[in-house]
Protein backbone atom coordinates (compact mmCIF):
# COMPACT_ATOMS: atom_id res chain seq x y z
CA MET A 1 -26.20 -36.19 -211.77
CA ILE A 2 -25.58 -38.25 -208.65
CA GLU A 3 -28.90 -40.05 -209.18
CA GLU A 4 -27.36 -41.83 -212.20
CA LEU A 5 -25.16 -43.77 -209.81
CA ARG A 6 -28.21 -45.33 -208.18
CA GLU A 7 -28.99 -47.25 -211.37
CA VAL A 8 -25.76 -49.31 -211.32
CA LEU A 9 -25.64 -50.15 -207.61
CA THR A 10 -26.79 -53.31 -205.88
CA GLY A 11 -26.60 -51.54 -202.54
CA ARG A 12 -28.22 -48.26 -201.52
CA LEU A 13 -27.45 -44.68 -202.53
CA VAL A 14 -28.62 -42.12 -199.98
CA THR A 15 -28.63 -38.35 -200.57
CA ALA A 16 -29.90 -35.33 -198.68
CA ALA A 17 -33.21 -35.73 -200.52
CA ASP A 18 -33.83 -39.17 -198.95
CA PRO A 19 -35.68 -39.64 -195.63
CA ALA A 20 -32.84 -41.84 -194.33
CA TRP A 21 -30.21 -39.11 -194.76
CA GLY A 22 -30.20 -38.10 -191.12
CA GLN A 23 -29.49 -41.68 -190.05
CA VAL A 24 -26.79 -42.61 -192.55
CA ARG A 25 -24.91 -39.31 -192.88
CA PRO A 26 -23.24 -39.05 -189.43
CA ALA A 27 -19.94 -40.70 -188.55
CA TRP A 28 -19.47 -42.62 -185.30
CA ASN A 29 -17.72 -39.64 -183.73
CA LEU A 30 -20.54 -37.13 -183.44
CA THR A 31 -18.25 -34.14 -182.88
CA VAL A 32 -17.40 -34.40 -186.59
CA ASP A 33 -20.52 -33.15 -188.37
CA GLN A 34 -19.51 -34.62 -191.70
CA GLN A 35 -21.40 -33.35 -194.74
CA PRO A 36 -20.86 -35.78 -197.62
CA LEU A 37 -22.35 -35.31 -201.05
CA ALA A 38 -23.93 -38.77 -200.80
CA VAL A 39 -23.54 -42.08 -198.99
CA VAL A 40 -23.26 -45.41 -200.79
CA GLU A 41 -24.02 -48.46 -198.66
CA ALA A 42 -22.05 -50.95 -200.74
CA ALA A 43 -23.50 -54.44 -201.02
CA GLY A 44 -20.20 -55.79 -202.31
CA PRO A 45 -16.91 -54.82 -203.99
CA SER A 46 -18.64 -54.21 -207.33
CA ASP A 47 -20.56 -51.32 -205.79
CA VAL A 48 -17.24 -49.81 -204.77
CA GLU A 49 -15.94 -50.20 -208.32
CA HIS A 50 -19.03 -48.55 -209.79
CA THR A 51 -18.89 -45.69 -207.29
CA VAL A 52 -15.23 -44.86 -207.84
CA ALA A 53 -15.54 -45.13 -211.63
CA PHE A 54 -18.58 -42.84 -211.56
CA ALA A 55 -16.79 -40.31 -209.36
CA ALA A 56 -13.68 -40.34 -211.55
CA ALA A 57 -15.78 -39.77 -214.67
CA HIS A 58 -17.65 -36.83 -213.14
CA GLY A 59 -14.88 -35.08 -211.24
CA LEU A 60 -16.19 -36.15 -207.83
CA LYS A 61 -14.35 -37.58 -204.81
CA VAL A 62 -14.81 -40.83 -202.86
CA ALA A 63 -13.99 -41.73 -199.27
CA ALA A 64 -14.39 -45.15 -197.63
CA GLN A 65 -15.86 -45.43 -194.15
CA ALA A 66 -16.95 -48.42 -192.13
CA GLY A 67 -17.98 -46.76 -188.88
CA GLY A 68 -16.32 -43.38 -188.67
CA HIS A 69 -14.39 -43.50 -185.38
CA GLY A 70 -11.59 -41.54 -187.07
CA ALA A 71 -13.79 -39.24 -189.12
CA THR A 72 -12.69 -35.73 -190.05
CA ARG A 73 -14.23 -32.93 -192.10
CA ALA A 74 -11.95 -33.95 -194.97
CA LEU A 75 -14.82 -36.21 -196.06
CA ASP A 76 -17.15 -33.28 -196.70
CA ASN A 77 -18.52 -33.12 -200.27
CA THR A 78 -17.31 -36.64 -201.03
CA ILE A 79 -19.29 -39.77 -201.84
CA VAL A 80 -18.82 -41.75 -198.64
CA VAL A 81 -18.79 -45.50 -199.30
CA ARG A 82 -19.94 -47.47 -196.28
CA THR A 83 -18.31 -50.91 -196.31
CA ASN A 84 -20.23 -52.59 -193.47
CA ALA A 85 -21.73 -55.28 -195.73
CA LEU A 86 -18.26 -56.48 -196.79
CA ASP A 87 -18.14 -58.79 -193.79
CA ASP A 88 -16.47 -62.04 -194.89
CA VAL A 89 -14.02 -63.61 -192.42
CA TRP A 90 -11.63 -66.41 -193.36
CA VAL A 91 -9.00 -67.80 -190.98
CA ASP A 92 -6.15 -70.19 -191.73
CA SER A 93 -4.82 -70.97 -188.27
CA HIS A 94 -2.10 -73.27 -189.64
CA ALA A 95 -0.65 -70.52 -191.84
CA GLN A 96 -1.46 -67.88 -189.17
CA ILE A 97 -3.33 -65.69 -191.65
CA ALA A 98 -6.78 -64.08 -191.68
CA ARG A 99 -8.60 -62.53 -194.62
CA VAL A 100 -11.41 -60.12 -193.77
CA GLY A 101 -13.70 -57.76 -195.62
CA ALA A 102 -13.58 -54.01 -195.11
CA GLY A 103 -16.63 -54.04 -192.86
CA VAL A 104 -15.28 -56.56 -190.35
CA ARG A 105 -14.67 -55.21 -186.84
CA TRP A 106 -11.91 -56.35 -184.56
CA GLY A 107 -14.40 -57.89 -182.15
CA THR A 108 -15.65 -60.18 -184.92
CA LEU A 109 -12.18 -61.27 -186.02
CA GLN A 110 -11.00 -61.86 -182.45
CA THR A 111 -14.08 -63.99 -181.76
CA ALA A 112 -13.25 -66.09 -184.83
CA LEU A 113 -9.81 -66.70 -183.29
CA ASP A 114 -11.09 -68.07 -179.98
CA GLY A 115 -9.60 -71.49 -179.35
CA THR A 116 -6.90 -71.17 -182.03
CA GLY A 117 -4.10 -69.98 -179.74
CA LEU A 118 -3.71 -66.99 -182.06
CA THR A 119 -4.55 -63.31 -182.00
CA GLY A 120 -4.70 -60.42 -184.38
CA LEU A 121 -3.43 -57.02 -183.33
CA PRO A 122 -6.57 -55.30 -182.01
CA GLY A 123 -6.56 -52.00 -180.23
CA SER A 124 -8.70 -50.79 -177.37
CA ASN A 125 -12.08 -50.93 -179.12
CA GLY A 126 -13.59 -54.01 -180.75
CA ASP A 127 -15.91 -51.87 -182.90
CA ILE A 128 -13.04 -50.49 -185.02
CA SER A 129 -12.78 -51.99 -188.52
CA VAL A 130 -9.72 -54.12 -189.23
CA VAL A 131 -9.13 -52.36 -192.56
CA GLY A 132 -9.40 -48.82 -191.21
CA TYR A 133 -7.20 -49.71 -188.26
CA CYS A 134 -4.39 -51.31 -190.30
CA THR A 135 -4.37 -48.65 -193.01
CA GLY A 136 -4.34 -45.98 -190.29
CA GLY A 137 -1.37 -47.41 -188.39
CA GLY A 138 -2.92 -49.47 -185.60
CA LEU A 139 -1.52 -49.44 -182.03
CA SER A 140 -2.42 -52.78 -180.49
CA TRP A 141 -2.48 -54.43 -177.11
CA PHE A 142 0.14 -56.67 -178.71
CA ALA A 143 2.21 -53.98 -180.43
CA ARG A 144 5.08 -54.48 -177.99
CA PRO A 145 5.76 -58.10 -178.93
CA TYR A 146 4.38 -58.09 -182.47
CA GLY A 147 4.45 -54.54 -183.88
CA SER A 148 1.83 -52.29 -185.45
CA GLY A 149 -1.40 -53.20 -187.19
CA ALA A 150 -0.01 -51.62 -190.35
CA GLY A 151 3.00 -53.93 -190.18
CA SER A 152 0.74 -56.99 -190.05
CA LEU A 153 -0.91 -56.14 -193.38
CA ARG A 154 0.11 -58.85 -195.88
CA ALA A 155 -2.05 -58.10 -198.90
CA ALA A 156 -5.12 -56.12 -199.92
CA GLU A 157 -7.95 -56.15 -202.39
CA ILE A 158 -8.27 -52.59 -203.62
CA VAL A 159 -10.30 -50.43 -205.93
CA ASP A 160 -7.95 -47.86 -207.44
CA GLY A 161 -8.66 -44.29 -208.47
CA ALA A 162 -9.95 -45.40 -211.88
CA GLY A 163 -12.41 -47.89 -210.38
CA ALA A 164 -10.41 -51.06 -211.15
CA ARG A 165 -10.34 -53.83 -208.52
CA ARG A 166 -7.38 -56.12 -207.89
CA TRP A 167 -5.39 -57.93 -205.21
CA ILE A 168 -1.97 -56.50 -204.42
CA ASP A 169 0.93 -57.43 -202.15
CA ASP A 170 4.61 -56.63 -201.78
CA SER A 171 5.54 -58.77 -204.76
CA THR A 172 3.18 -56.97 -207.15
CA GLU A 173 2.97 -53.37 -205.90
CA PRO A 174 5.43 -52.76 -203.06
CA ASP A 175 5.16 -48.95 -203.17
CA LEU A 176 1.39 -48.95 -202.93
CA MET A 177 1.48 -51.49 -200.09
CA TRP A 178 4.02 -49.28 -198.30
CA ALA A 179 1.61 -46.33 -198.61
CA LEU A 180 -1.45 -48.32 -197.51
CA ARG A 181 0.31 -49.33 -194.28
CA GLY A 182 -0.53 -46.14 -192.45
CA GLY A 183 -1.33 -43.69 -195.25
CA GLY A 184 -5.06 -44.23 -194.88
CA GLY A 185 -7.64 -44.03 -197.67
CA ASN A 186 -5.76 -41.62 -199.91
CA PHE A 187 -4.48 -44.28 -202.30
CA ALA A 188 -7.25 -46.83 -202.81
CA VAL A 189 -10.54 -48.04 -201.42
CA VAL A 190 -9.58 -51.24 -199.64
CA THR A 191 -12.34 -53.84 -199.86
CA SER A 192 -10.52 -56.72 -198.13
CA VAL A 193 -7.21 -57.41 -196.41
CA GLU A 194 -5.04 -60.33 -195.46
CA VAL A 195 -3.32 -59.92 -192.10
CA GLU A 196 -0.78 -61.81 -190.04
CA LEU A 197 -1.94 -63.63 -186.92
CA HIS A 198 0.33 -64.11 -183.92
CA PRO A 199 0.88 -66.68 -181.14
CA ALA A 200 -1.27 -66.12 -178.06
CA PRO A 201 -1.43 -69.52 -176.36
CA GLU A 202 -2.26 -68.21 -172.89
CA ILE A 203 -3.70 -64.70 -172.91
CA VAL A 204 -4.06 -63.04 -169.55
CA GLY A 205 -5.25 -59.50 -169.00
CA GLY A 206 -7.70 -57.12 -167.42
CA ARG A 207 -7.98 -54.01 -165.28
CA LEU A 208 -6.96 -52.79 -161.83
CA MET A 209 -8.91 -49.85 -160.42
CA PHE A 210 -7.75 -47.56 -157.60
CA ALA A 211 -9.30 -44.47 -156.01
CA ILE A 212 -8.16 -41.31 -157.78
CA ASP A 213 -6.36 -40.01 -154.66
CA GLN A 214 -3.92 -42.91 -154.97
CA ALA A 215 -2.93 -41.86 -158.50
CA PRO A 216 0.48 -40.35 -157.60
CA ALA A 217 1.75 -43.59 -156.09
CA VAL A 218 0.07 -45.84 -158.67
CA LEU A 219 1.39 -43.86 -161.65
CA ALA A 220 4.89 -43.80 -160.15
CA ALA A 221 4.74 -47.59 -159.76
CA TYR A 222 3.40 -47.85 -163.31
CA GLY A 223 6.35 -45.90 -164.66
CA LYS A 224 8.82 -48.18 -162.89
CA ALA A 225 6.95 -51.32 -163.98
CA THR A 226 7.00 -50.33 -167.64
CA LEU A 227 10.77 -49.92 -167.51
CA GLU A 228 11.22 -53.43 -166.14
CA ALA A 229 8.44 -55.38 -167.90
CA PRO A 230 9.43 -57.80 -170.68
CA GLU A 231 8.48 -56.97 -174.25
CA HIS A 232 5.41 -59.21 -174.37
CA VAL A 233 3.78 -57.43 -171.39
CA THR A 234 1.69 -54.34 -172.16
CA LEU A 235 0.62 -51.87 -169.47
CA TRP A 236 -1.64 -48.85 -169.99
CA ALA A 237 -2.53 -46.33 -167.27
CA TYR A 238 -5.55 -44.03 -166.93
CA LEU A 239 -7.04 -41.16 -165.00
CA THR A 240 -10.78 -41.60 -165.58
CA HIS A 241 -13.81 -39.60 -164.47
CA TYR A 242 -17.15 -41.30 -164.98
CA PRO A 243 -20.21 -39.05 -165.43
CA PRO A 244 -23.22 -39.42 -163.10
CA ALA A 245 -25.18 -41.18 -165.83
CA LEU A 246 -27.88 -43.58 -164.68
CA GLN A 247 -26.96 -46.16 -167.31
CA LEU A 248 -23.55 -46.65 -165.70
CA PRO A 249 -23.04 -49.26 -162.94
CA GLU A 250 -23.29 -47.79 -159.46
CA VAL A 251 -19.71 -48.84 -158.66
CA VAL A 252 -18.35 -46.24 -161.11
CA ARG A 253 -21.20 -43.76 -161.57
CA GLY A 254 -20.02 -40.22 -160.88
CA LYS A 255 -16.68 -41.43 -159.49
CA SER A 256 -13.02 -41.01 -160.46
CA PHE A 257 -10.30 -43.63 -160.65
CA CYS A 258 -6.71 -44.31 -161.51
CA MET A 259 -6.66 -47.52 -163.54
CA ILE A 260 -4.10 -49.90 -164.97
CA ASP A 261 -4.91 -52.17 -167.92
CA ALA A 262 -2.59 -55.07 -168.62
CA VAL A 263 -2.26 -57.81 -171.25
CA ALA A 264 0.20 -60.54 -172.16
CA PRO A 265 -0.31 -63.18 -174.89
CA TYR A 266 1.69 -65.79 -172.98
CA ASP A 267 3.69 -66.25 -169.76
CA PRO A 268 1.09 -65.07 -167.21
CA GLU A 269 3.70 -65.12 -164.45
CA ALA A 270 5.58 -62.29 -166.15
CA LEU A 271 2.45 -60.16 -166.16
CA GLU A 272 1.86 -60.78 -162.47
CA THR A 273 5.47 -59.89 -161.71
CA ALA A 274 5.03 -56.60 -163.57
CA LEU A 275 1.78 -55.84 -161.74
CA ALA A 276 3.04 -56.67 -158.23
CA PRO A 277 4.53 -53.22 -157.45
CA ILE A 278 1.47 -51.53 -158.90
CA ARG A 279 -0.86 -53.58 -156.71
CA ALA A 280 1.28 -52.67 -153.71
CA ALA A 281 1.05 -48.94 -154.47
CA GLY A 282 -2.57 -48.64 -153.37
CA THR A 283 -5.81 -50.39 -152.50
CA VAL A 284 -7.21 -52.30 -155.47
CA LEU A 285 -10.96 -51.64 -155.71
CA VAL A 286 -11.66 -53.71 -158.83
CA ASP A 287 -9.46 -56.47 -160.26
CA THR A 288 -10.40 -58.19 -163.53
CA ILE A 289 -6.96 -59.59 -164.35
CA GLY A 290 -7.31 -63.20 -165.48
CA PRO A 291 -7.28 -65.64 -168.41
CA ARG A 292 -9.00 -64.45 -171.57
CA GLU A 293 -9.94 -65.78 -174.96
CA SER A 294 -8.86 -63.76 -177.97
CA SER A 295 -12.31 -62.15 -178.03
CA GLY A 296 -11.92 -60.93 -174.46
CA VAL A 297 -9.00 -58.66 -175.23
CA VAL A 298 -11.18 -56.02 -176.92
CA GLU A 299 -13.46 -55.89 -173.87
CA ILE A 300 -10.82 -54.80 -171.36
CA THR A 301 -11.16 -51.03 -171.76
CA GLN A 302 -14.98 -51.06 -171.95
CA GLU A 303 -14.92 -48.20 -174.44
CA PRO A 304 -18.29 -47.08 -175.84
CA ILE A 305 -19.53 -48.81 -178.98
CA THR A 306 -22.58 -46.67 -179.68
CA PRO A 307 -21.89 -43.36 -181.48
CA ALA A 308 -20.59 -40.65 -179.17
CA ALA A 309 -19.29 -37.10 -179.28
CA VAL A 310 -15.60 -37.59 -178.54
CA LEU A 311 -12.70 -35.15 -178.70
CA LEU A 312 -9.12 -36.41 -178.45
CA THR A 313 -5.66 -34.96 -178.20
CA THR A 314 -2.39 -36.85 -178.07
CA SER A 315 1.27 -36.43 -177.31
CA THR A 316 4.38 -38.54 -176.80
CA PHE A 317 7.03 -38.79 -174.10
CA ASP A 318 9.89 -41.04 -172.99
CA GLU A 319 9.65 -41.26 -169.21
CA VAL A 320 6.98 -41.21 -166.50
CA THR A 321 8.59 -38.61 -164.27
CA PRO A 322 7.20 -37.15 -161.01
CA GLU A 323 6.90 -33.81 -162.81
CA LEU A 324 4.81 -35.36 -165.60
CA ILE A 325 2.57 -37.09 -163.07
CA ASP A 326 2.05 -33.82 -161.19
CA THR A 327 1.14 -32.05 -164.44
CA LEU A 328 -1.35 -34.73 -165.44
CA LEU A 329 -3.01 -34.55 -162.04
CA GLU A 330 -3.11 -30.75 -162.15
CA TYR A 331 -4.97 -30.72 -165.47
CA ALA A 332 -6.92 -33.99 -165.31
CA GLY A 333 -6.90 -35.23 -161.72
CA GLN A 334 -10.35 -33.88 -160.91
CA PRO A 335 -13.67 -34.19 -162.79
CA SER A 336 -13.71 -31.71 -165.66
CA LEU A 337 -14.34 -31.59 -169.38
CA ILE A 338 -11.39 -33.99 -169.73
CA SER A 339 -13.06 -37.36 -169.20
CA GLN A 340 -9.93 -39.48 -169.39
CA VAL A 341 -6.17 -39.38 -169.78
CA GLN A 342 -4.51 -42.57 -170.97
CA LEU A 343 -0.82 -43.50 -171.05
CA ARG A 344 0.18 -46.26 -173.46
CA HIS A 345 3.55 -47.95 -173.17
CA LEU A 346 4.99 -48.45 -176.66
CA ARG A 347 7.90 -50.39 -178.11
CA ALA A 348 10.80 -48.75 -179.91
CA SER A 349 12.21 -51.29 -182.34
CA ASP A 350 13.53 -51.26 -185.88
CA GLU A 351 11.93 -54.63 -186.65
CA VAL A 352 8.94 -54.71 -189.02
CA ILE A 353 7.12 -57.64 -190.58
CA HIS A 354 6.08 -55.73 -193.69
CA PRO A 355 7.50 -52.32 -194.64
CA GLY A 356 5.15 -49.35 -194.56
CA VAL A 357 5.01 -45.67 -193.75
CA ALA A 358 3.59 -46.55 -190.30
CA SER A 359 4.89 -50.10 -189.89
CA ALA A 360 7.83 -49.19 -187.67
CA ASP A 361 7.40 -48.57 -183.96
CA PRO A 362 7.17 -44.96 -182.76
CA THR A 363 10.43 -43.49 -181.56
CA ALA A 364 8.82 -42.45 -178.27
CA GLN A 365 8.39 -44.85 -175.37
CA TYR A 366 4.89 -43.69 -174.40
CA MET A 367 1.85 -42.04 -175.95
CA LEU A 368 -0.63 -39.88 -174.07
CA LEU A 369 -4.26 -39.80 -175.20
CA ALA A 370 -6.62 -37.36 -173.51
CA GLY A 371 -10.31 -37.36 -174.32
CA SER A 372 -13.60 -35.62 -173.67
CA ILE A 373 -16.97 -37.31 -174.09
CA LEU A 374 -19.39 -34.44 -174.58
CA PRO A 375 -22.97 -34.72 -173.29
CA VAL A 376 -24.04 -31.70 -175.37
CA PRO A 377 -22.44 -30.15 -178.49
CA GLU A 378 -22.33 -26.71 -176.90
CA LEU A 379 -19.35 -27.86 -174.80
CA PHE A 380 -17.19 -28.49 -177.88
CA GLY A 381 -15.23 -25.24 -177.68
CA SER A 382 -14.62 -25.46 -173.94
CA ALA A 383 -13.52 -29.09 -174.17
CA GLN A 384 -11.17 -28.31 -177.05
CA GLN A 385 -9.61 -25.54 -174.95
CA ALA A 386 -9.18 -27.86 -171.96
CA LEU A 387 -7.52 -30.53 -174.07
CA GLY A 388 -5.31 -27.94 -175.74
CA ALA A 389 -4.19 -26.61 -172.36
CA LEU A 390 -3.23 -30.13 -171.25
CA LYS A 391 -1.32 -30.76 -174.46
CA ASP A 392 0.55 -27.48 -174.06
CA ALA A 393 1.39 -28.35 -170.46
CA VAL A 394 2.96 -31.70 -171.38
CA SER A 395 4.67 -30.41 -174.53
CA GLN A 396 7.96 -29.96 -172.66
CA TRP A 397 8.22 -33.78 -172.56
CA HIS A 398 7.22 -34.33 -176.20
CA ALA A 399 9.41 -37.07 -177.67
CA GLY A 400 8.77 -37.39 -181.38
CA ASP A 401 6.17 -37.68 -184.10
CA LEU A 402 2.75 -39.07 -183.24
CA PRO A 403 1.73 -42.48 -184.56
CA PRO A 404 -1.04 -41.89 -187.15
CA SER A 405 -3.40 -43.85 -184.89
CA GLY A 406 -3.01 -41.02 -182.40
CA LEU A 407 -4.10 -38.19 -184.68
CA SER A 408 -7.08 -36.10 -183.59
CA SER A 409 -9.74 -34.73 -185.91
CA TRP A 410 -7.81 -31.45 -186.30
CA SER A 411 -4.40 -33.09 -186.88
CA THR A 412 -2.62 -33.59 -190.20
CA LEU A 413 -0.26 -36.23 -191.57
CA GLN A 414 2.56 -33.76 -190.96
CA ASP A 415 2.14 -34.53 -187.26
CA SER A 416 3.10 -38.16 -187.93
CA PHE A 417 5.36 -38.42 -190.96
CA THR A 418 8.67 -36.92 -191.95
CA GLU A 419 8.94 -34.76 -195.03
CA PRO A 420 10.82 -37.50 -196.99
CA ASP A 421 7.99 -39.94 -196.22
CA LEU A 422 5.38 -37.36 -197.18
CA ALA A 423 7.20 -36.71 -200.45
CA ARG A 424 7.21 -40.43 -201.20
CA LEU A 425 3.50 -40.66 -200.37
CA ARG A 426 2.75 -37.75 -202.69
CA ASP A 427 4.69 -39.42 -205.48
CA ILE A 428 2.75 -42.68 -205.02
CA LYS A 429 -0.54 -40.77 -204.90
CA GLN A 430 0.26 -39.06 -208.19
CA ARG A 431 0.95 -42.42 -209.82
CA VAL A 432 -2.05 -44.39 -208.51
CA ASP A 433 -4.69 -41.62 -208.34
CA PRO A 434 -3.50 -38.75 -210.55
CA VAL A 435 -6.83 -36.91 -210.64
CA GLY A 436 -7.30 -37.12 -206.87
CA THR A 437 -10.54 -39.09 -206.76
CA LEU A 438 -9.78 -40.80 -203.44
CA VAL A 439 -9.79 -39.03 -200.07
CA GLY A 440 -8.66 -40.27 -196.65
CA ASN A 441 -9.45 -38.88 -193.20
CA TYR A 442 -6.10 -37.11 -193.34
CA PRO A 443 -5.36 -35.97 -196.91
CA LEU A 444 -1.80 -35.60 -198.08
CA PRO A 445 -0.50 -32.04 -197.60
CA CYS A 446 0.56 -30.35 -200.83
């Protein structure tokens, strides 16, 4: 039956019977061994329309995926639509708006903004798609001054559960827009979005690296600095253990560090003021703080772009206390299956540009992300146990629901949204996709 779909596509349909199946089936995150029914490499929006209409007519399910950083096993037995070829980028710097296709990555959009004095709201990795990021919440380097990626979503071109394509915004379909801003791919396949751009006339940012034994003092200084920093200054802290891999630079290979990443879109002096007590807390081994173009923001964390086996767990908290620091160092201060622990300073504000289920800031002041990069799949169970033990240890400081951007592959939307919001999402789902053709990484709980 699925072979009939091949006849109406401009792009490529790949099934388990095709030689290319082993290359196109996996998601970016290799710990998620997704098993779709088929993969459609869409050549354009019409391929998305044909795929969804075919699935709806035959009782099948469809899930959109650009790269698969946030993949889960919820996409098993679906037709996965790869949107990489939907790569148009249009920028109106005067109106401070960008329109991008579903395959466009943040690195590409940020590069298009170089020299404009503007920025989007990218996160830590330039290989993440703009569409997947905004519909999944989106915690940005610039979330403190400008809010979430979901809140920057102005309009979207969608293919609905019946296979019909149209542009929508808050004036035409406010409920559906509210759901798309953080509800993921459960409500439509988004083929293009229009997003807000924001002033960034003098971006400065980069990384400070300290020896791991200086982490207690550096993290204490970080906690104090985040309390005093102005809203446009963003500071993230890390405990990082680099593997002894030959492809890594010798300066980090097999070594451990406490690191501080920092960004501000303007007022460089304020960033330096915030960093001064952190610099004084230890001996800076590497310092990359300096002026950056918009494109340089997504390069700060140096996260991997090539597919990797990554496990993540997350939590929230409101204060960087000595007890929290001691706990983090106990569980992640030495090389182990936990490759990195990251602390992100958030903003708690009621202001949103566009209303959505994930447009508002998290109620917590900080988010913890702990990750394992697995060299071999056999370590999956042990790494999951190590991450679970860390999460249990910091649970006494848990301070509210997780942003959807912080969900791990075994999380659910119940970890992020209140029951009233989930009820509203279910109602919208029933209206826009009554037969349940469309599937997101985190399906709506019944």
